Amino acid sequence: MEPSECGVVELRRYLLRPGRRDELIELFEREFVESQQELGICLLGLFREEGDEDRFVWFRGYRDLEARIAALQGFYEGPVWARHARAANATMIDSDDVLLLEPIKVYESADDHGASRPSVEVAISEAGRLPEDPPGFRPLAVFKTLHAENGYPGLPVREADVVVTVGTGAPAPGAPNAVRLRLQPTRRSHWP
């Protein structure tokens, strides 16, 4: 599935046990990429958070809410997760910092950056009007809170009314009190 086909997106920000981020990323990229894609999940981006060595951030998309429920059931109740859940969970302190979002706009990101991929800038702002894109900012996507029931309670989502701006080249536009993340894409990240 292409990013532009995702009607539902999760922004997942994990706090990991000290020194275990690369262990989780290696496991994730080896075991959890294709196994989720086969269920119709779009992995938009997999990232190391700059400035916090114990954070792993990723964006996961679905066609719609019904597809999300079916895909999550298929993955978390399936054989790949059963084999690797203990190892993955052993790297994590908290995996519940999750926003359920819907796209306002998803842009094409066809650039081939080769071995040197730019950092991805994210701003999480309270819902409202955002400032203009700053000079040099190249947007990848803008999302807003999806006000819908979480149909898969085994994976909690945070209640928040936000706008999330994602892009490269300059800090993402956001409200003055926005939470700002600078993310370094992993080897298998779709973005940027």
N, C-alpha and C. Protein backbone atom coordinates (compact mmCIF):
# COMPACT_ATOMS: atom_id res chain seq x y z
N MET A 1 0.84 -1.17 0.00
CA MET A 1 0.00 0.00 0.00
C MET A 1 0.89 1.24 0.00
N GLU A 2 0.51 2.23 -0.76
CA GLU A 2 1.24 3.49 -0.84
C GLU A 2 0.82 4.41 0.30
N PRO A 3 1.72 5.29 0.77
CA PRO A 3 1.36 6.21 1.85
C PRO A 3 0.11 7.02 1.57
N SER A 4 -0.11 7.40 0.32
CA SER A 4 -1.29 8.21 -0.02
C SER A 4 -2.59 7.43 0.14
N GLU A 5 -2.52 6.11 0.27
CA GLU A 5 -3.71 5.28 0.44
C GLU A 5 -4.08 5.05 1.90
N CYS A 6 -3.28 5.57 2.81
CA CYS A 6 -3.51 5.36 4.25
C CYS A 6 -4.53 6.36 4.77
N GLY A 7 -5.68 5.88 5.17
CA GLY A 7 -6.70 6.73 5.78
C GLY A 7 -6.56 6.83 7.28
N VAL A 8 -5.78 5.93 7.87
CA VAL A 8 -5.54 5.89 9.32
C VAL A 8 -4.05 5.69 9.53
N VAL A 9 -3.47 6.48 10.43
CA VAL A 9 -2.03 6.40 10.71
C VAL A 9 -1.82 6.44 12.21
N GLU A 10 -0.91 5.60 12.68
CA GLU A 10 -0.47 5.66 14.07
C GLU A 10 0.92 6.29 14.10
N LEU A 11 1.12 7.24 15.01
CA LEU A 11 2.45 7.74 15.34
C LEU A 11 2.81 7.08 16.66
N ARG A 12 3.82 6.21 16.64
CA ARG A 12 4.20 5.40 17.80
C ARG A 12 5.59 5.83 18.27
N ARG A 13 5.69 6.22 19.53
CA ARG A 13 6.96 6.70 20.11
C ARG A 13 7.27 5.86 21.34
N TYR A 14 8.27 5.00 21.22
CA TYR A 14 8.60 4.05 22.28
C TYR A 14 9.78 4.55 23.12
N LEU A 15 9.66 4.35 24.43
CA LEU A 15 10.77 4.55 25.34
C LEU A 15 11.38 3.17 25.60
N LEU A 16 12.67 3.04 25.31
CA LEU A 16 13.33 1.74 25.38
C LEU A 16 14.28 1.68 26.57
N ARG A 17 14.62 0.46 26.92
CA ARG A 17 15.61 0.25 27.98
C ARG A 17 16.96 0.80 27.49
N PRO A 18 17.74 1.39 28.39
CA PRO A 18 19.00 2.01 27.97
C PRO A 18 19.88 1.07 27.15
N GLY A 19 20.34 1.61 26.01
CA GLY A 19 21.27 0.87 25.16
C GLY A 19 20.67 -0.22 24.30
N ARG A 20 19.34 -0.31 24.21
CA ARG A 20 18.72 -1.43 23.48
C ARG A 20 18.02 -1.02 22.19
N ARG A 21 18.14 0.25 21.79
CA ARG A 21 17.43 0.70 20.60
C ARG A 21 17.87 -0.04 19.35
N ASP A 22 19.17 -0.17 19.12
CA ASP A 22 19.63 -0.84 17.91
C ASP A 22 19.23 -2.31 17.89
N GLU A 23 19.15 -2.93 19.05
CA GLU A 23 18.68 -4.31 19.14
C GLU A 23 17.23 -4.42 18.66
N LEU A 24 16.36 -3.48 19.10
CA LEU A 24 14.97 -3.50 18.65
C LEU A 24 14.89 -3.22 17.15
N ILE A 25 15.64 -2.25 16.66
CA ILE A 25 15.59 -1.91 15.24
C ILE A 25 16.03 -3.10 14.39
N GLU A 26 17.08 -3.78 14.79
CA GLU A 26 17.55 -4.95 14.03
C GLU A 26 16.47 -6.03 14.00
N LEU A 27 15.86 -6.31 15.13
CA LEU A 27 14.77 -7.30 15.19
C LEU A 27 13.59 -6.85 14.35
N PHE A 28 13.21 -5.58 14.48
CA PHE A 28 12.06 -5.03 13.76
C PHE A 28 12.28 -5.15 12.26
N GLU A 29 13.43 -4.70 11.78
CA GLU A 29 13.67 -4.70 10.34
C GLU A 29 13.84 -6.10 9.79
N ARG A 30 14.29 -7.02 10.59
CA ARG A 30 14.45 -8.41 10.14
C ARG A 30 13.12 -9.17 10.15
N GLU A 31 12.28 -8.96 11.16
CA GLU A 31 11.10 -9.81 11.36
C GLU A 31 9.76 -9.13 11.17
N PHE A 32 9.68 -7.81 11.37
CA PHE A 32 8.37 -7.17 11.46
C PHE A 32 7.99 -6.31 10.26
N VAL A 33 8.87 -6.12 9.30
CA VAL A 33 8.52 -5.29 8.14
C VAL A 33 7.62 -6.07 7.19
N GLU A 34 8.14 -7.12 6.60
CA GLU A 34 7.33 -7.89 5.63
C GLU A 34 6.10 -8.52 6.30
N SER A 35 6.25 -8.98 7.53
CA SER A 35 5.13 -9.64 8.20
C SER A 35 3.96 -8.68 8.42
N GLN A 36 4.22 -7.39 8.57
CA GLN A 36 3.13 -6.41 8.66
C GLN A 36 2.63 -6.01 7.27
N GLN A 37 3.55 -5.83 6.33
CA GLN A 37 3.15 -5.45 4.98
C GLN A 37 2.24 -6.51 4.35
N GLU A 38 2.51 -7.77 4.63
CA GLU A 38 1.67 -8.85 4.10
C GLU A 38 0.23 -8.76 4.59
N LEU A 39 0.01 -8.06 5.69
CA LEU A 39 -1.33 -7.89 6.26
C LEU A 39 -1.97 -6.58 5.82
N GLY A 40 -1.34 -5.87 4.89
CA GLY A 40 -1.89 -4.62 4.39
C GLY A 40 -1.48 -3.39 5.18
N ILE A 41 -0.50 -3.52 6.05
CA ILE A 41 -0.01 -2.40 6.84
C ILE A 41 1.07 -1.67 6.03
N CYS A 42 1.01 -0.35 6.04
CA CYS A 42 2.02 0.47 5.38
C CYS A 42 2.94 1.05 6.45
N LEU A 43 4.20 0.69 6.40
CA LEU A 43 5.19 1.23 7.33
C LEU A 43 5.79 2.49 6.70
N LEU A 44 5.29 3.63 7.13
CA LEU A 44 5.70 4.90 6.53
C LEU A 44 7.11 5.30 6.92
N GLY A 45 7.45 5.10 8.18
CA GLY A 45 8.76 5.51 8.63
C GLY A 45 9.17 4.84 9.91
N LEU A 46 10.45 4.49 9.98
CA LEU A 46 11.07 3.88 11.16
C LEU A 46 12.27 4.75 11.51
N PHE A 47 12.36 5.21 12.77
CA PHE A 47 13.33 6.25 13.09
C PHE A 47 13.99 6.08 14.45
N ARG A 48 15.23 6.55 14.51
CA ARG A 48 15.92 6.82 15.77
C ARG A 48 15.65 8.29 16.09
N GLU A 49 15.22 8.57 17.31
CA GLU A 49 15.01 9.96 17.70
C GLU A 49 16.35 10.58 18.08
N GLU A 50 16.72 11.66 17.39
CA GLU A 50 17.97 12.34 17.71
C GLU A 50 17.85 13.03 19.06
N GLY A 51 18.92 12.95 19.85
CA GLY A 51 18.92 13.59 21.15
C GLY A 51 18.38 12.72 22.27
N ASP A 52 17.86 11.54 21.94
CA ASP A 52 17.38 10.60 22.96
C ASP A 52 17.67 9.19 22.46
N GLU A 53 18.76 8.62 22.93
CA GLU A 53 19.21 7.31 22.44
C GLU A 53 18.29 6.17 22.83
N ASP A 54 17.30 6.45 23.66
CA ASP A 54 16.39 5.39 24.11
C ASP A 54 14.99 5.56 23.52
N ARG A 55 14.88 6.25 22.39
CA ARG A 55 13.59 6.43 21.73
C ARG A 55 13.62 5.84 20.32
N PHE A 56 12.56 5.10 20.01
CA PHE A 56 12.31 4.57 18.67
C PHE A 56 10.94 5.10 18.27
N VAL A 57 10.85 5.71 17.10
CA VAL A 57 9.61 6.33 16.63
C VAL A 57 9.26 5.72 15.29
N TRP A 58 7.97 5.41 15.10
CA TRP A 58 7.57 4.90 13.80
C TRP A 58 6.15 5.29 13.48
N PHE A 59 5.87 5.34 12.17
CA PHE A 59 4.55 5.65 11.64
C PHE A 59 4.05 4.41 10.91
N ARG A 60 2.82 3.99 11.26
CA ARG A 60 2.23 2.79 10.66
C ARG A 60 0.85 3.17 10.13
N GLY A 61 0.56 2.81 8.85
CA GLY A 61 -0.69 3.22 8.23
C GLY A 61 -1.55 2.06 7.77
N TYR A 62 -2.84 2.37 7.64
CA TYR A 62 -3.87 1.39 7.24
C TYR A 62 -4.84 2.09 6.29
N ARG A 63 -5.51 1.30 5.49
CA ARG A 63 -6.50 1.86 4.57
C ARG A 63 -7.63 2.57 5.33
N ASP A 64 -8.16 1.92 6.39
CA ASP A 64 -9.25 2.48 7.18
C ASP A 64 -9.27 1.80 8.55
N LEU A 65 -10.24 2.16 9.39
CA LEU A 65 -10.30 1.61 10.75
C LEU A 65 -10.55 0.10 10.76
N GLU A 66 -11.40 -0.37 9.86
CA GLU A 66 -11.67 -1.81 9.81
C GLU A 66 -10.42 -2.59 9.40
N ALA A 67 -9.70 -2.06 8.43
CA ALA A 67 -8.45 -2.71 8.01
C ALA A 67 -7.43 -2.68 9.14
N ARG A 68 -7.43 -1.62 9.95
CA ARG A 68 -6.51 -1.54 11.10
C ARG A 68 -6.79 -2.68 12.07
N ILE A 69 -8.04 -2.87 12.43
CA ILE A 69 -8.39 -3.92 13.39
C ILE A 69 -7.98 -5.28 12.85
N ALA A 70 -8.33 -5.56 11.60
CA ALA A 70 -8.00 -6.87 11.01
C ALA A 70 -6.49 -7.08 10.95
N ALA A 71 -5.75 -6.04 10.55
CA ALA A 71 -4.29 -6.18 10.44
C ALA A 71 -3.64 -6.37 11.81
N LEU A 72 -4.09 -5.62 12.80
CA LEU A 72 -3.51 -5.77 14.14
C LEU A 72 -3.82 -7.14 14.73
N GLN A 73 -5.04 -7.62 14.52
CA GLN A 73 -5.36 -8.98 14.98
C GLN A 73 -4.47 -10.00 14.28
N GLY A 74 -4.33 -9.85 12.97
CA GLY A 74 -3.50 -10.78 12.21
C GLY A 74 -2.05 -10.77 12.65
N PHE A 75 -1.53 -9.58 12.97
CA PHE A 75 -0.13 -9.50 13.36
C PHE A 75 0.09 -9.95 14.80
N TYR A 76 -0.62 -9.35 15.75
CA TYR A 76 -0.35 -9.63 17.16
C TYR A 76 -0.87 -10.98 17.62
N GLU A 77 -1.75 -11.59 16.84
CA GLU A 77 -2.23 -12.93 17.17
C GLU A 77 -1.64 -13.97 16.22
N GLY A 78 -0.66 -13.55 15.42
CA GLY A 78 -0.06 -14.42 14.42
C GLY A 78 1.27 -15.02 14.85
N PRO A 79 1.84 -15.85 14.00
CA PRO A 79 3.04 -16.62 14.35
C PRO A 79 4.32 -15.79 14.49
N VAL A 80 4.48 -14.73 13.69
CA VAL A 80 5.72 -13.95 13.76
C VAL A 80 5.80 -13.23 15.11
N TRP A 81 4.72 -12.57 15.52
CA TRP A 81 4.73 -11.90 16.82
C TRP A 81 4.87 -12.93 17.95
N ALA A 82 4.22 -14.06 17.82
CA ALA A 82 4.33 -15.10 18.86
C ALA A 82 5.79 -15.52 19.06
N ARG A 83 6.54 -15.62 17.97
CA ARG A 83 7.95 -16.03 18.06
C ARG A 83 8.85 -14.94 18.64
N HIS A 84 8.52 -13.68 18.39
CA HIS A 84 9.46 -12.60 18.70
C HIS A 84 8.96 -11.58 19.72
N ALA A 85 7.76 -11.74 20.24
CA ALA A 85 7.20 -10.77 21.19
C ALA A 85 8.06 -10.61 22.43
N ARG A 86 8.50 -11.71 22.99
CA ARG A 86 9.29 -11.64 24.22
C ARG A 86 10.57 -10.83 23.99
N ALA A 87 11.26 -11.08 22.89
CA ALA A 87 12.50 -10.34 22.60
C ALA A 87 12.21 -8.86 22.37
N ALA A 88 11.15 -8.55 21.62
CA ALA A 88 10.81 -7.15 21.36
C ALA A 88 10.42 -6.44 22.65
N ASN A 89 9.53 -7.04 23.42
CA ASN A 89 9.06 -6.41 24.65
C ASN A 89 10.18 -6.23 25.67
N ALA A 90 11.19 -7.09 25.64
CA ALA A 90 12.31 -6.97 26.58
C ALA A 90 13.13 -5.70 26.34
N THR A 91 13.01 -5.09 25.17
CA THR A 91 13.75 -3.86 24.88
C THR A 91 13.00 -2.61 25.32
N MET A 92 11.71 -2.74 25.66
CA MET A 92 10.83 -1.59 25.86
C MET A 92 10.51 -1.33 27.33
N ILE A 93 10.44 -0.03 27.66
CA ILE A 93 9.90 0.41 28.94
C ILE A 93 8.44 0.82 28.74
N ASP A 94 8.17 1.60 27.67
CA ASP A 94 6.82 2.11 27.41
C ASP A 94 6.57 2.16 25.90
N SER A 95 5.49 1.52 25.48
CA SER A 95 5.11 1.54 24.06
C SER A 95 3.72 2.13 23.87
N ASP A 96 3.22 2.86 24.87
CA ASP A 96 1.85 3.38 24.82
C ASP A 96 1.74 4.85 24.41
N ASP A 97 2.84 5.49 24.00
CA ASP A 97 2.77 6.87 23.52
C ASP A 97 2.42 6.81 22.04
N VAL A 98 1.11 6.73 21.78
CA VAL A 98 0.61 6.48 20.43
C VAL A 98 -0.50 7.46 20.11
N LEU A 99 -0.43 8.09 18.95
CA LEU A 99 -1.49 8.96 18.46
C LEU A 99 -2.16 8.29 17.27
N LEU A 100 -3.49 8.30 17.25
CA LEU A 100 -4.27 7.78 16.13
C LEU A 100 -4.65 8.98 15.27
N LEU A 101 -4.19 8.96 14.02
CA LEU A 101 -4.27 10.13 13.15
C LEU A 101 -4.95 9.81 11.83
N GLU A 102 -5.38 10.88 11.15
CA GLU A 102 -5.84 10.77 9.76
C GLU A 102 -5.12 11.83 8.95
N PRO A 103 -4.88 11.55 7.67
CA PRO A 103 -4.11 12.50 6.87
C PRO A 103 -4.93 13.73 6.49
N ILE A 104 -4.28 14.87 6.54
CA ILE A 104 -4.80 16.08 5.91
C ILE A 104 -4.21 16.14 4.51
N LYS A 105 -2.91 15.84 4.41
CA LYS A 105 -2.22 15.84 3.11
C LYS A 105 -1.00 14.94 3.22
N VAL A 106 -0.80 14.08 2.23
CA VAL A 106 0.41 13.26 2.12
C VAL A 106 1.06 13.62 0.79
N TYR A 107 2.33 13.97 0.84
CA TYR A 107 3.07 14.40 -0.34
C TYR A 107 3.88 13.24 -0.89
N GLU A 108 4.24 13.33 -2.15
CA GLU A 108 5.13 12.34 -2.75
C GLU A 108 6.53 12.52 -2.17
N SER A 109 7.22 11.41 -1.94
CA SER A 109 8.60 11.49 -1.44
C SER A 109 9.46 10.57 -2.28
N ALA A 110 9.64 10.93 -3.54
CA ALA A 110 10.31 10.06 -4.49
C ALA A 110 11.82 10.29 -4.57
N ASP A 111 12.34 11.23 -3.79
CA ASP A 111 13.78 11.51 -3.87
C ASP A 111 14.58 10.29 -3.45
N ASP A 112 15.66 10.03 -4.17
CA ASP A 112 16.60 8.98 -3.77
C ASP A 112 17.79 9.68 -3.13
N HIS A 113 17.89 9.54 -1.81
CA HIS A 113 18.96 10.22 -1.08
C HIS A 113 20.20 9.35 -0.96
N GLY A 114 20.16 8.14 -1.50
CA GLY A 114 21.31 7.25 -1.42
C GLY A 114 21.64 6.92 0.02
N ALA A 115 22.94 6.86 0.31
CA ALA A 115 23.38 6.48 1.64
C ALA A 115 23.17 7.60 2.65
N SER A 116 23.09 8.84 2.18
CA SER A 116 22.94 9.96 3.11
C SER A 116 21.50 10.45 3.07
N ARG A 117 20.74 10.06 4.06
CA ARG A 117 19.32 10.42 4.12
C ARG A 117 19.14 11.55 5.12
N PRO A 118 18.34 12.55 4.77
CA PRO A 118 18.16 13.67 5.69
C PRO A 118 17.34 13.27 6.91
N SER A 119 17.53 14.03 7.98
CA SER A 119 16.69 13.85 9.16
C SER A 119 15.27 14.24 8.81
N VAL A 120 14.34 13.64 9.52
CA VAL A 120 12.93 13.97 9.37
C VAL A 120 12.53 14.82 10.56
N GLU A 121 11.88 15.93 10.28
CA GLU A 121 11.44 16.85 11.32
C GLU A 121 9.95 16.66 11.56
N VAL A 122 9.56 16.58 12.84
CA VAL A 122 8.16 16.39 13.21
C VAL A 122 7.78 17.45 14.22
N ALA A 123 6.61 18.05 14.05
CA ALA A 123 6.04 18.96 15.05
C ALA A 123 4.66 18.44 15.42
N ILE A 124 4.42 18.28 16.72
CA ILE A 124 3.12 17.84 17.23
C ILE A 124 2.54 19.04 17.97
N SER A 125 1.50 19.66 17.37
CA SER A 125 0.91 20.89 17.90
C SER A 125 -0.52 20.64 18.31
N GLU A 126 -1.01 21.45 19.26
CA GLU A 126 -2.43 21.42 19.55
C GLU A 126 -3.16 21.79 18.27
N ALA A 127 -4.33 21.17 18.06
CA ALA A 127 -5.08 21.42 16.83
C ALA A 127 -5.36 22.91 16.68
N GLY A 128 -5.30 23.36 15.47
CA GLY A 128 -5.53 24.77 15.17
C GLY A 128 -4.77 25.13 13.91
N ARG A 129 -4.76 26.41 13.62
CA ARG A 129 -4.09 26.87 12.41
C ARG A 129 -2.58 26.83 12.60
N LEU A 130 -1.89 26.26 11.63
CA LEU A 130 -0.43 26.18 11.68
C LEU A 130 0.19 27.34 10.91
N PRO A 131 1.39 27.76 11.33
CA PRO A 131 2.08 28.79 10.56
C PRO A 131 2.48 28.27 9.18
N GLU A 132 2.87 29.19 8.32
CA GLU A 132 3.36 28.81 6.98
C GLU A 132 4.60 27.94 7.11
N ASP A 133 4.85 27.11 6.09
CA ASP A 133 6.08 26.32 6.07
C ASP A 133 7.28 27.26 6.03
N PRO A 134 8.29 27.01 6.88
CA PRO A 134 9.47 27.87 6.85
C PRO A 134 10.29 27.62 5.58
N PRO A 135 11.14 28.58 5.21
CA PRO A 135 11.99 28.38 4.03
C PRO A 135 12.81 27.10 4.17
N GLY A 136 12.87 26.34 3.10
CA GLY A 136 13.67 25.11 3.09
C GLY A 136 12.94 23.87 3.58
N PHE A 137 11.76 24.04 4.18
CA PHE A 137 11.02 22.88 4.69
C PHE A 137 10.33 22.17 3.53
N ARG A 138 10.54 20.84 3.45
CA ARG A 138 9.91 20.02 2.41
C ARG A 138 8.94 19.08 3.09
N PRO A 139 7.63 19.32 3.00
CA PRO A 139 6.67 18.50 3.72
C PRO A 139 6.56 17.09 3.15
N LEU A 140 6.40 16.12 4.05
CA LEU A 140 6.08 14.74 3.68
C LEU A 140 4.61 14.45 3.94
N ALA A 141 4.09 14.96 5.07
CA ALA A 141 2.69 14.71 5.41
C ALA A 141 2.25 15.65 6.52
N VAL A 142 0.94 15.87 6.56
CA VAL A 142 0.30 16.57 7.67
C VAL A 142 -0.88 15.71 8.10
N PHE A 143 -0.96 15.47 9.41
CA PHE A 143 -2.02 14.64 9.98
C PHE A 143 -2.75 15.41 11.06
N LYS A 144 -3.96 14.94 11.38
CA LYS A 144 -4.69 15.46 12.53
C LYS A 144 -5.26 14.27 13.30
N THR A 145 -5.66 14.53 14.53
CA THR A 145 -6.24 13.48 15.35
C THR A 145 -7.44 12.87 14.65
N LEU A 146 -7.50 11.55 14.68
CA LEU A 146 -8.67 10.82 14.20
C LEU A 146 -9.55 10.56 15.42
N HIS A 147 -10.68 11.22 15.46
CA HIS A 147 -11.60 11.06 16.59
C HIS A 147 -12.47 9.84 16.32
N ALA A 148 -11.99 8.70 16.77
CA ALA A 148 -12.70 7.44 16.56
C ALA A 148 -12.34 6.50 17.71
N GLU A 149 -13.20 5.55 17.93
CA GLU A 149 -12.94 4.56 18.96
C GLU A 149 -11.76 3.69 18.55
N ASN A 150 -10.90 3.41 19.51
CA ASN A 150 -9.78 2.50 19.27
C ASN A 150 -10.35 1.09 19.22
N GLY A 151 -10.45 0.53 18.04
CA GLY A 151 -11.04 -0.80 17.87
C GLY A 151 -10.13 -1.95 18.25
N TYR A 152 -8.92 -1.65 18.71
CA TYR A 152 -8.00 -2.70 19.15
C TYR A 152 -7.44 -2.29 20.51
N PRO A 153 -8.20 -2.52 21.59
CA PRO A 153 -7.82 -2.01 22.90
C PRO A 153 -6.52 -2.59 23.46
N GLY A 154 -6.02 -3.67 22.89
CA GLY A 154 -4.74 -4.22 23.32
C GLY A 154 -3.58 -3.27 23.05
N LEU A 155 -3.78 -2.31 22.15
CA LEU A 155 -2.79 -1.27 21.86
C LEU A 155 -3.42 0.09 22.15
N PRO A 156 -3.22 0.62 23.34
CA PRO A 156 -3.85 1.90 23.70
C PRO A 156 -3.36 3.05 22.82
N VAL A 157 -4.21 4.06 22.68
CA VAL A 157 -3.84 5.30 22.01
C VAL A 157 -4.13 6.46 22.95
N ARG A 158 -3.33 7.52 22.81
CA ARG A 158 -3.47 8.70 23.65
C ARG A 158 -4.62 9.57 23.16
N GLU A 159 -5.38 10.12 24.10
CA GLU A 159 -6.41 11.10 23.76
C GLU A 159 -5.74 12.46 23.65
N ALA A 160 -5.73 13.02 22.47
CA ALA A 160 -5.14 14.33 22.25
C ALA A 160 -5.74 14.91 20.98
N ASP A 161 -5.88 16.22 20.93
CA ASP A 161 -6.39 16.88 19.74
C ASP A 161 -5.22 17.64 19.13
N VAL A 162 -4.57 17.02 18.14
CA VAL A 162 -3.31 17.55 17.63
C VAL A 162 -3.28 17.61 16.11
N VAL A 163 -2.30 18.35 15.63
CA VAL A 163 -1.90 18.34 14.23
C VAL A 163 -0.43 17.94 14.22
N VAL A 164 -0.07 17.00 13.35
CA VAL A 164 1.30 16.50 13.25
C VAL A 164 1.82 16.84 11.86
N THR A 165 2.91 17.59 11.80
CA THR A 165 3.54 17.97 10.54
C THR A 165 4.87 17.22 10.43
N VAL A 166 5.10 16.61 9.26
CA VAL A 166 6.29 15.79 9.03
C VAL A 166 6.97 16.28 7.75
N GLY A 167 8.29 16.46 7.80
CA GLY A 167 9.00 16.88 6.60
C GLY A 167 10.50 16.86 6.81
N THR A 168 11.22 17.43 5.84
CA THR A 168 12.69 17.48 5.89
C THR A 168 13.17 18.88 5.54
N GLY A 169 14.45 19.13 5.77
CA GLY A 169 15.09 20.36 5.30
C GLY A 169 15.14 21.50 6.28
N ALA A 170 14.18 21.60 7.19
CA ALA A 170 14.13 22.66 8.19
C ALA A 170 13.17 22.19 9.27
N PRO A 171 13.21 22.80 10.45
CA PRO A 171 12.24 22.39 11.48
C PRO A 171 10.81 22.51 10.97
N ALA A 172 9.99 21.52 11.33
CA ALA A 172 8.60 21.49 10.88
C ALA A 172 7.82 22.66 11.49
N PRO A 173 6.88 23.23 10.72
CA PRO A 173 6.07 24.32 11.27
C PRO A 173 5.17 23.77 12.37
N GLY A 174 5.00 24.56 13.40
CA GLY A 174 4.14 24.15 14.51
C GLY A 174 3.90 25.32 15.43
N ALA A 175 2.99 25.12 16.36
CA ALA A 175 2.69 26.13 17.36
C ALA A 175 3.93 26.34 18.23
N PRO A 176 4.03 27.50 18.91
CA PRO A 176 5.20 27.75 19.75
C PRO A 176 5.43 26.67 20.81
N ASN A 177 4.38 26.05 21.31
CA ASN A 177 4.52 25.02 22.34
C ASN A 177 4.53 23.61 21.76
N ALA A 178 4.79 23.48 20.49
CA ALA A 178 4.77 22.16 19.83
C ALA A 178 5.86 21.26 20.39
N VAL A 179 5.56 19.96 20.43
CA VAL A 179 6.58 18.95 20.71
C VAL A 179 7.32 18.74 19.40
N ARG A 180 8.63 18.90 19.43
CA ARG A 180 9.42 18.78 18.20
C ARG A 180 10.34 17.59 18.29
N LEU A 181 10.35 16.81 17.22
CA LEU A 181 11.20 15.63 17.14
C LEU A 181 12.07 15.74 15.90
N ARG A 182 13.33 15.37 16.06
CA ARG A 182 14.22 15.24 14.90
C ARG A 182 14.57 13.77 14.82
N LEU A 183 14.23 13.15 13.68
CA LEU A 183 14.31 11.70 13.54
C LEU A 183 15.28 11.31 12.44
N GLN A 184 16.07 10.29 12.72
CA GLN A 184 17.01 9.75 11.75
C GLN A 184 16.42 8.45 11.20
N PRO A 185 16.15 8.37 9.89
CA PRO A 185 15.54 7.16 9.33
C PRO A 185 16.45 5.95 9.46
N THR A 186 15.84 4.82 9.73
CA THR A 186 16.59 3.56 9.75
C THR A 186 16.77 3.09 8.31
N ARG A 187 17.50 2.02 8.16
CA ARG A 187 17.81 1.48 6.83
C ARG A 187 16.56 1.17 6.02
N ARG A 188 15.50 0.69 6.66
CA ARG A 188 14.31 0.25 5.93
C ARG A 188 13.15 1.23 6.00
N SER A 189 13.40 2.44 6.44
CA SER A 189 12.34 3.45 6.52
C SER A 189 11.91 3.88 5.12
N HIS A 190 10.60 3.99 4.91
CA HIS A 190 10.10 4.51 3.63
C HIS A 190 10.41 6.01 3.52
N TRP A 191 10.13 6.76 4.59
CA TRP A 191 10.43 8.20 4.61
C TRP A 191 11.87 8.39 4.99
N PRO A 192 12.56 9.39 4.53
CA PRO A 192 12.14 10.37 3.54
C PRO A 192 12.36 9.88 2.14
